[in-house]
Amino acid sequence: MSAVEESAQYARYRRDGAVLAEIGRRLEPQVSRLPVRIPGDLAAAAVAAWERDEPGDLGDLRGETHEQRGVRDQAGALALIGLAITERGTAVDGDAVLVELDVTEIAAALTAALEAR
């Protein structure tokens, strides 16, 4: 569907998305990292995702489905959490890691949890 054929409803949604993005631009300088506690086994899995070398390149992603993109985005978010753990995580309470995560990393994990329900 072209922009000309887009329904009024989706045009409103597009404007809503623009407002949401502007809110995000205003919130971004106000938020920073938050300390979180991650169980050791999950922290190790995140670090492994960061350290993993994927074979080859992704190539042309135009044929990627919406679901495939979501799965790839989640894997990337996990790897970024692994990077944060590698750079600034500290072991606490025997089997947990304390790390400060960016709110975007926390949001990605929360979104994945909601989508897995």
N, C-alpha and C. Protein backbone atom coordinates (compact mmCIF):
# COMPACT_ATOMS: atom_id res chain seq x y z
N MET A 1 0.85 -1.17 0.00
CA MET A 1 0.00 0.00 0.00
C MET A 1 0.90 1.23 0.00
N SER A 2 0.62 2.15 -0.89
CA SER A 2 1.41 3.38 -0.95
C SER A 2 0.93 4.35 0.11
N ALA A 3 1.74 5.38 0.34
CA ALA A 3 1.37 6.40 1.33
C ALA A 3 0.05 7.05 0.97
N VAL A 4 -0.21 7.19 -0.34
CA VAL A 4 -1.46 7.81 -0.79
C VAL A 4 -2.65 6.92 -0.42
N GLU A 5 -2.45 5.59 -0.49
CA GLU A 5 -3.53 4.65 -0.22
C GLU A 5 -3.68 4.34 1.26
N GLU A 6 -2.76 4.83 2.08
CA GLU A 6 -2.80 4.51 3.50
C GLU A 6 -4.09 5.03 4.12
N SER A 7 -4.70 4.22 4.95
CA SER A 7 -5.96 4.62 5.56
C SER A 7 -5.73 5.74 6.56
N ALA A 8 -6.79 6.45 6.86
CA ALA A 8 -6.71 7.53 7.85
C ALA A 8 -6.27 6.99 9.20
N GLN A 9 -6.72 5.79 9.51
CA GLN A 9 -6.35 5.17 10.78
C GLN A 9 -4.83 4.98 10.86
N TYR A 10 -4.22 4.44 9.81
CA TYR A 10 -2.78 4.22 9.83
C TYR A 10 -1.99 5.52 9.72
N ALA A 11 -2.56 6.51 9.11
CA ALA A 11 -1.92 7.83 9.08
C ALA A 11 -1.86 8.39 10.51
N ARG A 12 -2.95 8.19 11.28
CA ARG A 12 -2.94 8.61 12.69
C ARG A 12 -1.90 7.83 13.48
N TYR A 13 -1.82 6.52 13.23
CA TYR A 13 -0.82 5.69 13.91
C TYR A 13 0.59 6.18 13.60
N ARG A 14 0.82 6.55 12.35
CA ARG A 14 2.14 7.06 11.94
C ARG A 14 2.47 8.36 12.68
N ARG A 15 1.47 9.25 12.81
CA ARG A 15 1.68 10.49 13.56
C ARG A 15 1.91 10.18 15.04
N ASP A 16 1.18 9.20 15.58
CA ASP A 16 1.40 8.78 16.96
C ASP A 16 2.82 8.27 17.15
N GLY A 17 3.32 7.52 16.18
CA GLY A 17 4.69 7.02 16.24
C GLY A 17 5.71 8.15 16.25
N ALA A 18 5.43 9.20 15.49
CA ALA A 18 6.32 10.36 15.47
C ALA A 18 6.33 11.07 16.82
N VAL A 19 5.16 11.17 17.45
CA VAL A 19 5.08 11.78 18.78
C VAL A 19 5.82 10.91 19.79
N LEU A 20 5.65 9.60 19.71
CA LEU A 20 6.35 8.69 20.61
C LEU A 20 7.87 8.84 20.45
N ALA A 21 8.34 8.95 19.21
CA ALA A 21 9.77 9.14 18.96
C ALA A 21 10.26 10.45 19.56
N GLU A 22 9.45 11.50 19.46
CA GLU A 22 9.84 12.79 20.05
C GLU A 22 9.89 12.70 21.57
N ILE A 23 8.95 12.00 22.16
CA ILE A 23 9.00 11.78 23.60
C ILE A 23 10.30 11.04 23.95
N GLY A 24 10.64 10.04 23.17
CA GLY A 24 11.88 9.31 23.39
C GLY A 24 13.11 10.19 23.32
N ARG A 25 13.13 11.10 22.36
CA ARG A 25 14.26 12.03 22.24
C ARG A 25 14.35 12.92 23.47
N ARG A 26 13.22 13.30 24.05
CA ARG A 26 13.22 14.14 25.24
C ARG A 26 13.59 13.34 26.49
N LEU A 27 13.21 12.07 26.54
CA LEU A 27 13.51 11.24 27.70
C LEU A 27 14.95 10.76 27.72
N GLU A 28 15.51 10.56 26.55
CA GLU A 28 16.85 9.97 26.45
C GLU A 28 17.88 10.65 27.35
N PRO A 29 17.99 11.98 27.35
CA PRO A 29 19.00 12.58 28.22
C PRO A 29 18.68 12.48 29.71
N GLN A 30 17.45 12.09 30.05
CA GLN A 30 17.04 12.02 31.44
C GLN A 30 17.29 10.65 32.07
N VAL A 31 17.54 9.66 31.24
CA VAL A 31 17.69 8.30 31.76
C VAL A 31 19.13 7.83 31.58
N SER A 32 19.51 6.92 32.41
CA SER A 32 20.86 6.39 32.31
C SER A 32 20.82 4.91 32.64
N ARG A 33 21.90 4.43 33.14
CA ARG A 33 21.99 3.02 33.49
C ARG A 33 21.34 2.77 34.85
N LEU A 34 20.81 1.57 34.97
CA LEU A 34 20.21 1.14 36.23
C LEU A 34 20.89 -0.14 36.69
N PRO A 35 21.19 -0.26 37.98
CA PRO A 35 21.81 -1.49 38.46
C PRO A 35 20.77 -2.61 38.52
N VAL A 36 21.14 -3.76 38.01
CA VAL A 36 20.26 -4.93 38.04
C VAL A 36 21.07 -6.14 38.47
N ARG A 37 20.38 -7.11 39.02
CA ARG A 37 20.99 -8.36 39.45
C ARG A 37 20.50 -9.46 38.49
N ILE A 38 21.45 -10.19 37.90
CA ILE A 38 21.13 -11.23 36.94
C ILE A 38 21.67 -12.56 37.48
N PRO A 39 20.86 -13.62 37.47
CA PRO A 39 21.37 -14.92 37.91
C PRO A 39 22.61 -15.32 37.10
N GLY A 40 23.53 -16.00 37.76
CA GLY A 40 24.81 -16.35 37.13
C GLY A 40 24.69 -17.12 35.84
N ASP A 41 23.76 -18.11 35.77
CA ASP A 41 23.64 -18.90 34.55
C ASP A 41 23.15 -18.04 33.37
N LEU A 42 22.26 -17.11 33.64
CA LEU A 42 21.77 -16.23 32.58
C LEU A 42 22.84 -15.22 32.16
N ALA A 43 23.60 -14.74 33.15
CA ALA A 43 24.71 -13.83 32.83
C ALA A 43 25.74 -14.54 31.96
N ALA A 44 26.04 -15.79 32.29
CA ALA A 44 27.01 -16.56 31.49
C ALA A 44 26.50 -16.77 30.07
N ALA A 45 25.20 -17.01 29.91
CA ALA A 45 24.63 -17.18 28.57
C ALA A 45 24.71 -15.88 27.78
N ALA A 46 24.50 -14.76 28.44
CA ALA A 46 24.59 -13.46 27.76
C ALA A 46 26.03 -13.19 27.33
N VAL A 47 26.99 -13.49 28.19
CA VAL A 47 28.39 -13.30 27.84
C VAL A 47 28.77 -14.21 26.68
N ALA A 48 28.28 -15.44 26.69
CA ALA A 48 28.56 -16.37 25.59
C ALA A 48 28.00 -15.83 24.27
N ALA A 49 26.82 -15.20 24.34
CA ALA A 49 26.24 -14.61 23.13
C ALA A 49 27.13 -13.48 22.62
N TRP A 50 27.69 -12.69 23.53
CA TRP A 50 28.58 -11.61 23.13
C TRP A 50 29.86 -12.15 22.50
N GLU A 51 30.40 -13.21 23.07
CA GLU A 51 31.69 -13.74 22.62
C GLU A 51 31.58 -14.64 21.39
N ARG A 52 30.39 -15.04 21.01
CA ARG A 52 30.18 -15.96 19.90
C ARG A 52 30.52 -15.30 18.57
N ASP A 53 31.22 -16.02 17.74
CA ASP A 53 31.49 -15.59 16.37
C ASP A 53 30.49 -16.26 15.45
N GLU A 54 29.65 -15.47 14.83
CA GLU A 54 28.67 -16.01 13.90
C GLU A 54 29.36 -16.29 12.56
N PRO A 55 29.07 -17.42 11.95
CA PRO A 55 29.68 -17.72 10.65
C PRO A 55 29.12 -16.83 9.54
N GLY A 56 30.00 -16.30 8.71
CA GLY A 56 29.58 -15.50 7.56
C GLY A 56 28.93 -14.19 7.96
N ASP A 57 28.39 -13.50 6.95
CA ASP A 57 27.68 -12.26 7.21
C ASP A 57 26.20 -12.49 6.98
N LEU A 58 25.41 -11.52 7.34
CA LEU A 58 23.96 -11.66 7.21
C LEU A 58 23.50 -11.51 5.77
N GLY A 59 24.32 -10.88 4.95
CA GLY A 59 23.94 -10.70 3.55
C GLY A 59 22.76 -9.75 3.41
N ASP A 60 21.96 -10.00 2.40
CA ASP A 60 20.81 -9.16 2.10
C ASP A 60 19.66 -9.51 3.04
N LEU A 61 19.23 -8.56 3.83
CA LEU A 61 18.17 -8.81 4.81
C LEU A 61 16.78 -8.47 4.28
N ARG A 62 16.69 -8.10 3.02
CA ARG A 62 15.37 -7.72 2.48
C ARG A 62 14.38 -8.88 2.51
N GLY A 63 14.87 -10.11 2.42
CA GLY A 63 13.97 -11.26 2.44
C GLY A 63 13.65 -11.75 3.84
N GLU A 64 14.19 -11.07 4.84
CA GLU A 64 13.98 -11.47 6.23
C GLU A 64 12.53 -11.22 6.62
N THR A 65 11.93 -12.20 7.29
CA THR A 65 10.56 -12.02 7.75
C THR A 65 10.54 -11.16 9.01
N HIS A 66 9.36 -10.69 9.36
CA HIS A 66 9.21 -9.91 10.59
C HIS A 66 9.65 -10.73 11.80
N GLU A 67 9.28 -12.00 11.83
CA GLU A 67 9.67 -12.87 12.94
C GLU A 67 11.18 -13.06 12.99
N GLN A 68 11.81 -13.28 11.84
CA GLN A 68 13.26 -13.45 11.80
C GLN A 68 13.97 -12.18 12.29
N ARG A 69 13.47 -11.04 11.90
CA ARG A 69 14.09 -9.79 12.36
C ARG A 69 13.97 -9.68 13.87
N GLY A 70 12.81 -10.01 14.40
CA GLY A 70 12.62 -9.95 15.85
C GLY A 70 13.56 -10.89 16.59
N VAL A 71 13.73 -12.10 16.08
CA VAL A 71 14.64 -13.06 16.70
C VAL A 71 16.07 -12.54 16.64
N ARG A 72 16.47 -11.98 15.50
CA ARG A 72 17.82 -11.43 15.35
C ARG A 72 18.01 -10.25 16.29
N ASP A 73 17.01 -9.38 16.41
CA ASP A 73 17.10 -8.23 17.31
C ASP A 73 17.25 -8.69 18.77
N GLN A 74 16.51 -9.73 19.16
CA GLN A 74 16.62 -10.24 20.52
C GLN A 74 18.01 -10.82 20.78
N ALA A 75 18.55 -11.55 19.82
CA ALA A 75 19.90 -12.10 19.97
C ALA A 75 20.93 -10.98 20.11
N GLY A 76 20.76 -9.92 19.34
CA GLY A 76 21.65 -8.78 19.44
C GLY A 76 21.55 -8.09 20.79
N ALA A 77 20.33 -7.96 21.31
CA ALA A 77 20.13 -7.33 22.62
C ALA A 77 20.78 -8.18 23.71
N LEU A 78 20.65 -9.49 23.61
CA LEU A 78 21.29 -10.37 24.58
C LEU A 78 22.80 -10.21 24.54
N ALA A 79 23.35 -10.13 23.34
CA ALA A 79 24.80 -9.96 23.20
C ALA A 79 25.26 -8.63 23.82
N LEU A 80 24.47 -7.58 23.65
CA LEU A 80 24.84 -6.29 24.26
C LEU A 80 24.79 -6.34 25.78
N ILE A 81 23.86 -7.11 26.33
CA ILE A 81 23.84 -7.32 27.77
C ILE A 81 25.09 -8.09 28.19
N GLY A 82 25.48 -9.08 27.37
CA GLY A 82 26.72 -9.81 27.63
C GLY A 82 27.93 -8.90 27.62
N LEU A 83 27.98 -7.96 26.69
CA LEU A 83 29.07 -6.99 26.66
C LEU A 83 29.09 -6.16 27.94
N ALA A 84 27.93 -5.70 28.38
CA ALA A 84 27.86 -4.91 29.61
C ALA A 84 28.36 -5.72 30.80
N ILE A 85 27.98 -6.99 30.86
CA ILE A 85 28.43 -7.85 31.95
C ILE A 85 29.94 -8.01 31.88
N THR A 86 30.47 -8.21 30.69
CA THR A 86 31.91 -8.37 30.51
C THR A 86 32.66 -7.13 30.96
N GLU A 87 32.14 -5.97 30.60
CA GLU A 87 32.84 -4.71 30.88
C GLU A 87 32.68 -4.22 32.32
N ARG A 88 31.49 -4.41 32.92
CA ARG A 88 31.28 -3.78 34.22
C ARG A 88 30.48 -4.62 35.20
N GLY A 89 30.32 -5.91 34.92
CA GLY A 89 29.60 -6.78 35.84
C GLY A 89 30.48 -7.24 36.99
N THR A 90 29.87 -7.42 38.15
CA THR A 90 30.59 -7.95 39.30
C THR A 90 29.77 -9.07 39.94
N ALA A 91 30.46 -10.13 40.31
CA ALA A 91 29.79 -11.26 40.95
C ALA A 91 29.33 -10.85 42.35
N VAL A 92 28.12 -11.25 42.70
CA VAL A 92 27.57 -10.99 44.03
C VAL A 92 26.79 -12.21 44.49
N ASP A 93 26.68 -12.37 45.79
CA ASP A 93 25.85 -13.43 46.38
C ASP A 93 26.12 -14.81 45.82
N GLY A 94 27.34 -15.11 45.45
CA GLY A 94 27.69 -16.45 45.01
C GLY A 94 27.30 -16.79 43.59
N ASP A 95 26.04 -16.61 43.23
CA ASP A 95 25.61 -17.04 41.90
C ASP A 95 24.79 -15.96 41.19
N ALA A 96 25.20 -14.72 41.30
CA ALA A 96 24.52 -13.64 40.61
C ALA A 96 25.55 -12.62 40.17
N VAL A 97 25.14 -11.81 39.21
CA VAL A 97 26.00 -10.74 38.71
C VAL A 97 25.24 -9.44 38.86
N LEU A 98 25.92 -8.45 39.38
CA LEU A 98 25.37 -7.10 39.46
C LEU A 98 25.99 -6.29 38.34
N VAL A 99 25.15 -5.66 37.54
CA VAL A 99 25.63 -4.88 36.40
C VAL A 99 24.69 -3.71 36.16
N GLU A 100 25.25 -2.60 35.75
CA GLU A 100 24.42 -1.47 35.34
C GLU A 100 24.12 -1.61 33.86
N LEU A 101 22.84 -1.67 33.53
CA LEU A 101 22.41 -1.79 32.13
C LEU A 101 21.75 -0.49 31.69
N ASP A 102 21.92 -0.19 30.42
CA ASP A 102 21.19 0.93 29.83
C ASP A 102 19.70 0.57 29.83
N VAL A 103 18.86 1.58 29.94
CA VAL A 103 17.43 1.32 29.97
C VAL A 103 16.96 0.63 28.68
N THR A 104 17.63 0.87 27.57
CA THR A 104 17.24 0.20 26.33
C THR A 104 17.49 -1.30 26.41
N GLU A 105 18.57 -1.70 27.10
CA GLU A 105 18.85 -3.13 27.27
C GLU A 105 17.83 -3.76 28.20
N ILE A 106 17.47 -3.04 29.25
CA ILE A 106 16.44 -3.53 30.17
C ILE A 106 15.10 -3.64 29.43
N ALA A 107 14.77 -2.63 28.64
CA ALA A 107 13.52 -2.65 27.88
C ALA A 107 13.48 -3.82 26.91
N ALA A 108 14.60 -4.13 26.26
CA ALA A 108 14.65 -5.26 25.32
C ALA A 108 14.38 -6.56 26.06
N ALA A 109 14.95 -6.73 27.26
CA ALA A 109 14.73 -7.95 28.03
C ALA A 109 13.28 -8.03 28.49
N LEU A 110 12.72 -6.92 28.94
CA LEU A 110 11.31 -6.92 29.38
C LEU A 110 10.37 -7.20 28.21
N THR A 111 10.66 -6.63 27.07
CA THR A 111 9.83 -6.87 25.88
C THR A 111 9.89 -8.34 25.48
N ALA A 112 11.08 -8.93 25.50
CA ALA A 112 11.21 -10.36 25.17
C ALA A 112 10.40 -11.20 26.14
N ALA A 113 10.42 -10.84 27.43
CA ALA A 113 9.64 -11.59 28.42
C ALA A 113 8.14 -11.49 28.14
N LEU A 114 7.69 -10.29 27.79
CA LEU A 114 6.26 -10.11 27.47
C LEU A 114 5.87 -10.89 26.23
N GLU A 115 6.74 -10.88 25.22
CA GLU A 115 6.43 -11.59 23.98
C GLU A 115 6.47 -13.10 24.15
N ALA A 116 7.21 -13.59 25.14
CA ALA A 116 7.32 -15.03 25.37
C ALA A 116 6.13 -15.60 26.14
N ARG A 117 5.29 -14.73 26.67
CA ARG A 117 4.13 -15.20 27.45
C ARG A 117 3.11 -15.89 26.59
